[in-house]
C-alpha atoms as a PDB file:
ATOM      1  CA  MET A   1      69.192  79.166  87.255  1.00  0.00           C
ATOM      2  CA  VAL A   2      72.393  80.315  88.946  1.00  0.00           C
ATOM      3  CA  GLU A   3      73.026  78.532  92.215  1.00  0.00           C
ATOM      4  CA  SER A   4      74.703  80.411  95.020  1.00  0.00           C
ATOM      5  CA  ASN A   5      78.169  79.211  95.904  1.00  0.00           C
ATOM      6  CA  GLU A   6      78.895  79.294  99.613  1.00  0.00           C
ATOM      7  CA  HIS A   7      82.621  79.516  98.814  1.00  0.00           C
ATOM      8  CA  ALA A   8      82.272  82.437  96.425  1.00  0.00           C
ATOM      9  CA  ILE A   9      84.356  85.534  96.942  1.00  0.00           C
ATOM     10  CA  ILE A  10      81.704  87.793  95.384  1.00  0.00           C
ATOM     11  CA  THR A  11      78.112  86.956  96.285  1.00  0.00           C
ATOM     12  CA  LYS A  12      74.659  88.229  95.433  1.00  0.00           C
ATOM     13  CA  ALA A  13      74.478  89.579  99.002  1.00  0.00           C
ATOM     14  CA  ASP A  14      77.624  91.662  98.372  1.00  0.00           C
ATOM     15  CA  LEU A  15      76.039  93.192  95.288  1.00  0.00           C
ATOM     16  CA  ARG A  16      72.769  93.815  97.115  1.00  0.00           C
ATOM     17  CA  GLN A  17      74.735  95.590  99.881  1.00  0.00           C
ATOM     18  CA  LEU A  18      76.442  97.748  97.250  1.00  0.00           C
ATOM     19  CA  LEU A  19      73.079  98.629  95.697  1.00  0.00           C
ATOM     20  CA  ASP A  20      71.742  99.568  99.131  1.00  0.00           C
ATOM     21  CA  ALA A  21      74.754 101.779  99.946  1.00  0.00           C
ATOM     22  CA  ALA A  22      73.778 105.405 100.512  1.00  0.00           C
ATOM     23  CA  ALA A  23      76.948 106.906  99.021  1.00  0.00           C
ATOM     24  CA  PRO A  24      76.663 107.495  95.267  1.00  0.00           C
ATOM     25  CA  ASP A  25      80.392 106.782  94.850  1.00  0.00           C
ATOM     26  CA  ALA A  26      80.235 103.453  96.716  1.00  0.00           C
ATOM     27  CA  ARG A  27      82.258 100.598  95.279  1.00  0.00           C
ATOM     28  CA  LEU A  28      82.903  96.949  96.000  1.00  0.00           C
ATOM     29  CA  VAL A  29      86.587  96.339  96.713  1.00  0.00           C
ATOM     30  CA  LEU A  30      88.532  93.123  97.268  1.00  0.00           C
ATOM     31  CA  SER A  31      91.322  93.491  99.813  1.00  0.00           C
ATOM     32  CA  GLU A  32      93.232  90.674 101.498  1.00  0.00           C
ATOM     33  CA  GLY A  33      90.736  88.072 100.291  1.00  0.00           C
ATOM     34  CA  LYS A  34      87.677  89.897 101.618  1.00  0.00           C
ATOM     35  CA  VAL A  35      85.195  92.171  99.893  1.00  0.00           C
ATOM     36  CA  GLY A  36      83.875  95.363 101.362  1.00  0.00           C
ATOM     37  CA  ILE A  37      81.992  98.500 100.454  1.00  0.00           C
ATOM     38  CA  HIS A  38      84.106 101.660 100.265  1.00  0.00           C
ATOM     39  CA  SER A  39      83.254 105.231  99.348  1.00  0.00           C
ATOM     40  CA  GLY A  40      84.656 108.731  99.299  1.00  0.00           C
ATOM     41  CA  SER A  41      88.394 109.088  99.722  1.00  0.00           C
ATOM     42  CA  ASP A  42      88.629 105.673 101.389  1.00  0.00           C
ATOM     43  CA  ASP A  43      91.219 103.960  99.186  1.00  0.00           C
ATOM     44  CA  ALA A  44      90.535 100.476 100.640  1.00  0.00           C
ATOM     45  CA  GLY A  45      94.212  99.958 101.408  1.00  0.00           C
ATOM     46  CA  GLY A  46      95.126  99.382  97.787  1.00  0.00           C
ATOM     47  CA  GLY A  47      92.523  96.693  97.196  1.00  0.00           C
ATOM     48  CA  ILE A  48      91.154  95.668  93.810  1.00  0.00           C
ATOM     49  CA  LEU A  49      88.080  97.487  92.545  1.00  0.00           C
ATOM     50  CA  VAL A  50      85.453  94.858  91.727  1.00  0.00           C
ATOM     51  CA  ILE A  51      82.621  97.141  90.610  1.00  0.00           C
ATOM     52  CA  SER A  52      81.290 100.586  91.384  1.00  0.00           C
ATOM     53  CA  ARG A  53      77.702 101.171  92.420  1.00  0.00           C
ATOM     54  CA  ALA A  54      77.100 103.206  89.248  1.00  0.00           C
ATOM     55  CA  ASP A  55      78.440 100.394  87.030  1.00  0.00           C
ATOM     56  CA  LEU A  56      76.375  97.830  88.931  1.00  0.00           C
ATOM     57  CA  VAL A  57      73.170  99.812  88.449  1.00  0.00           C
ATOM     58  CA  GLY A  58      74.035 100.249  84.761  1.00  0.00           C
ATOM     59  CA  SER A  59      74.680  96.521  84.328  1.00  0.00           C
ATOM     60  CA  LEU A  60      71.521  95.408  86.090  1.00  0.00           C
ATOM     61  CA  GLY A  61      68.935  97.659  84.552  1.00  0.00           C
ATOM     62  CA  ASP A  62      66.274  96.614  87.082  1.00  0.00           C
ATOM     63  CA  PRO A  63      67.935  96.594  90.538  1.00  0.00           C
ATOM     64  CA  GLY A  64      65.190  94.278  91.811  1.00  0.00           C
ATOM     65  CA  ASP A  65      66.037  91.479  89.361  1.00  0.00           C
ATOM     66  CA  GLU A  66      67.409  88.834  91.733  1.00  0.00           C
ATOM     67  CA  ARG A  67      68.261  86.398  88.917  1.00  0.00           C
ATOM     68  CA  ARG A  68      70.360  88.998  87.109  1.00  0.00           C
ATOM     69  CA  LEU A  69      72.010  89.961  90.402  1.00  0.00           C
ATOM     70  CA  ALA A  70      73.021  86.318  90.995  1.00  0.00           C
ATOM     71  CA  GLU A  71      74.333  85.986  87.436  1.00  0.00           C
ATOM     72  CA  LEU A  72      76.423  89.133  87.739  1.00  0.00           C
ATOM     73  CA  ALA A  73      77.818  87.993  91.105  1.00  0.00           C
ATOM     74  CA  ALA A  74      78.895  84.702  89.479  1.00  0.00           C
ATOM     75  CA  VAL A  75      80.598  86.541  86.595  1.00  0.00           C
ATOM     76  CA  LEU A  76      82.429  88.936  88.937  1.00  0.00           C
ATOM     77  CA  ASP A  77      83.436  86.046  91.192  1.00  0.00           C
ATOM     78  CA  SER A  78      84.840  84.170  88.191  1.00  0.00           C
ATOM     79  CA  ASP A  79      86.740  87.280  87.024  1.00  0.00           C
ATOM     80  CA  ILE A  80      88.294  87.729  90.471  1.00  0.00           C
ATOM     81  CA  ARG A  81      89.295  84.056  90.634  1.00  0.00           C
ATOM     82  CA  LEU A  82      90.947  84.336  87.208  1.00  0.00           C
ATOM     83  CA  LEU A  83      93.093  87.107  88.675  1.00  0.00           C
ATOM     84  CA  GLY A  84      94.293  84.610  91.258  1.00  0.00           C
ATOM     85  CA  ALA A  85      92.358  85.880  94.247  1.00  0.00           C
END
């Protein structure tokens, strides 16, 4: 079981918020050490694209699978940390 990390940059809650975003082009972006949901022509101030909503849905299969959501958040968090964020 994947435990949540209170010091994580990318969390399961971030991914859940991305899944719940109304905009089909929504994406999770890291900018200045914080993640946020961006869509449309909003360029997020040059932040780093973490994952798009479409890619997240494709990776999860079943959007209601909380275990898979936590696992994916841990992988994305690790990837971002490896980049030095």
